[in-house]
Amino acid sequence: MARDRQLDLDLHVDESLEPSDRTLQQVAAAVQRKGFTGKCSAAIAANLVGATRG
């Protein structure tokens, strides 16, 4: 939809503390796969559930 309307993307992505999570990489791959050529920003919100206090 954004590509067809020539709009930019502003995404908010949830991440966990799991090192194997690759959500941002998956978002970037999808943007490229769909042929999106506009601006794309992604803010990451870390899921701190289960984090231990130091």
N, C-alpha and C. Protein backbone atom coordinates (compact mmCIF):
# COMPACT_ATOMS: atom_id res chain seq x y z
N MET A 1 0.83 -1.18 0.00
CA MET A 1 0.00 0.00 0.00
C MET A 1 0.88 1.26 0.00
N ALA A 2 1.88 1.31 0.88
CA ALA A 2 2.76 2.48 0.95
C ALA A 2 3.50 2.67 -0.37
N ARG A 3 3.98 1.56 -0.94
CA ARG A 3 4.70 1.65 -2.21
C ARG A 3 3.79 2.21 -3.30
N ASP A 4 2.57 1.70 -3.38
CA ASP A 4 1.64 2.14 -4.42
C ASP A 4 1.26 3.60 -4.28
N ARG A 5 1.25 4.09 -3.06
CA ARG A 5 0.86 5.49 -2.80
C ARG A 5 2.07 6.41 -2.63
N GLN A 6 3.26 5.87 -2.85
CA GLN A 6 4.52 6.61 -2.74
C GLN A 6 4.69 7.26 -1.36
N LEU A 7 4.40 6.47 -0.32
CA LEU A 7 4.56 6.91 1.06
C LEU A 7 5.79 6.27 1.67
N ASP A 8 6.36 6.89 2.68
CA ASP A 8 7.47 6.32 3.42
C ASP A 8 6.94 5.42 4.53
N LEU A 9 7.82 4.59 5.08
CA LEU A 9 7.46 3.68 6.17
C LEU A 9 8.11 4.13 7.47
N ASP A 10 7.37 4.10 8.55
CA ASP A 10 7.89 4.33 9.90
C ASP A 10 7.37 3.18 10.75
N LEU A 11 8.23 2.22 11.01
CA LEU A 11 7.83 0.99 11.68
C LEU A 11 8.32 0.96 13.12
N HIS A 12 7.56 0.30 13.95
CA HIS A 12 7.93 0.07 15.35
C HIS A 12 7.96 -1.43 15.55
N VAL A 13 9.13 -1.96 15.86
CA VAL A 13 9.36 -3.39 15.88
C VAL A 13 9.64 -3.84 17.31
N ASP A 14 8.94 -4.86 17.75
CA ASP A 14 9.18 -5.42 19.08
C ASP A 14 10.27 -6.48 19.00
N GLU A 15 11.22 -6.41 19.89
CA GLU A 15 12.29 -7.39 20.00
C GLU A 15 12.29 -7.96 21.40
N SER A 16 12.87 -9.11 21.54
CA SER A 16 13.07 -9.69 22.87
C SER A 16 14.56 -9.63 23.18
N LEU A 17 14.95 -10.18 24.28
CA LEU A 17 16.37 -10.23 24.63
C LEU A 17 17.04 -11.49 24.08
N GLU A 18 16.33 -12.23 23.28
CA GLU A 18 16.85 -13.47 22.69
C GLU A 18 17.81 -13.12 21.55
N PRO A 19 19.08 -13.49 21.66
CA PRO A 19 20.07 -13.14 20.63
C PRO A 19 19.75 -13.67 19.24
N SER A 20 18.97 -14.75 19.17
CA SER A 20 18.67 -15.32 17.86
C SER A 20 17.53 -14.59 17.13
N ASP A 21 16.85 -13.66 17.79
CA ASP A 21 15.80 -12.89 17.12
C ASP A 21 16.41 -12.04 16.02
N ARG A 22 15.78 -12.04 14.89
CA ARG A 22 16.28 -11.31 13.73
C ARG A 22 15.15 -10.49 13.10
N THR A 23 14.31 -9.91 13.93
CA THR A 23 13.13 -9.21 13.45
C THR A 23 13.49 -8.06 12.52
N LEU A 24 14.45 -7.25 12.89
CA LEU A 24 14.82 -6.11 12.06
C LEU A 24 15.37 -6.57 10.71
N GLN A 25 16.15 -7.63 10.71
CA GLN A 25 16.65 -8.18 9.45
C GLN A 25 15.51 -8.70 8.58
N GLN A 26 14.50 -9.29 9.20
CA GLN A 26 13.35 -9.79 8.45
C GLN A 26 12.55 -8.63 7.85
N VAL A 27 12.44 -7.54 8.59
CA VAL A 27 11.75 -6.35 8.07
C VAL A 27 12.50 -5.80 6.86
N ALA A 28 13.82 -5.68 6.98
CA ALA A 28 14.63 -5.16 5.87
C ALA A 28 14.51 -6.05 4.63
N ALA A 29 14.53 -7.35 4.83
CA ALA A 29 14.41 -8.28 3.71
C ALA A 29 13.04 -8.14 3.03
N ALA A 30 11.99 -7.98 3.82
CA ALA A 30 10.64 -7.83 3.26
C ALA A 30 10.53 -6.53 2.46
N VAL A 31 11.12 -5.46 2.98
CA VAL A 31 11.09 -4.16 2.28
C VAL A 31 11.76 -4.32 0.91
N GLN A 32 12.90 -4.97 0.87
CA GLN A 32 13.61 -5.17 -0.40
C GLN A 32 12.84 -6.11 -1.32
N ARG A 33 12.32 -7.18 -0.77
CA ARG A 33 11.59 -8.18 -1.56
C ARG A 33 10.36 -7.58 -2.24
N LYS A 34 9.71 -6.65 -1.54
CA LYS A 34 8.51 -6.01 -2.09
C LYS A 34 8.84 -4.87 -3.06
N GLY A 35 10.13 -4.56 -3.21
CA GLY A 35 10.51 -3.53 -4.15
C GLY A 35 10.24 -2.12 -3.66
N PHE A 36 10.19 -1.94 -2.35
CA PHE A 36 9.93 -0.62 -1.78
C PHE A 36 11.16 0.25 -1.95
N THR A 37 11.00 1.45 -2.51
CA THR A 37 12.14 2.33 -2.76
C THR A 37 12.06 3.63 -1.96
N GLY A 38 11.01 3.81 -1.17
CA GLY A 38 10.89 5.00 -0.34
C GLY A 38 11.75 4.90 0.91
N LYS A 39 11.64 5.89 1.76
CA LYS A 39 12.37 5.87 3.03
C LYS A 39 11.70 4.89 3.98
N CYS A 40 12.52 4.23 4.78
CA CYS A 40 12.01 3.27 5.76
C CYS A 40 12.79 3.43 7.05
N SER A 41 12.11 3.74 8.12
CA SER A 41 12.76 3.80 9.43
C SER A 41 12.08 2.78 10.33
N ALA A 42 12.87 2.25 11.27
CA ALA A 42 12.33 1.25 12.19
C ALA A 42 12.88 1.52 13.58
N ALA A 43 12.00 1.78 14.50
CA ALA A 43 12.39 1.94 15.90
C ALA A 43 12.15 0.60 16.59
N ILE A 44 13.07 0.22 17.42
CA ILE A 44 12.97 -1.08 18.09
C ILE A 44 12.57 -0.88 19.54
N ALA A 45 11.54 -1.59 19.93
CA ALA A 45 11.11 -1.61 21.32
C ALA A 45 11.51 -2.96 21.89
N ALA A 46 12.37 -2.95 22.86
CA ALA A 46 12.85 -4.20 23.46
C ALA A 46 11.85 -4.70 24.49
N ASN A 47 11.56 -5.97 24.43
CA ASN A 47 10.70 -6.62 25.39
C ASN A 47 11.56 -7.00 26.59
N LEU A 48 11.36 -6.34 27.71
CA LEU A 48 12.19 -6.58 28.88
C LEU A 48 11.59 -7.56 29.87
N VAL A 49 10.51 -8.22 29.47
CA VAL A 49 9.91 -9.22 30.35
C VAL A 49 10.93 -10.34 30.55
N GLY A 50 11.17 -10.66 31.77
CA GLY A 50 12.13 -11.71 32.10
C GLY A 50 13.54 -11.20 32.31
N ALA A 51 13.75 -9.91 32.09
CA ALA A 51 15.10 -9.35 32.31
C ALA A 51 15.38 -9.33 33.82
N THR A 52 16.60 -9.57 34.15
CA THR A 52 16.96 -9.56 35.57
C THR A 52 17.57 -8.22 35.95
N ARG A 53 17.35 -7.85 37.19
CA ARG A 53 17.94 -6.59 37.68
C ARG A 53 19.35 -6.86 38.14
N GLY A 54 20.22 -5.88 37.88
CA GLY A 54 21.63 -6.05 38.20
C GLY A 54 22.03 -5.67 39.55
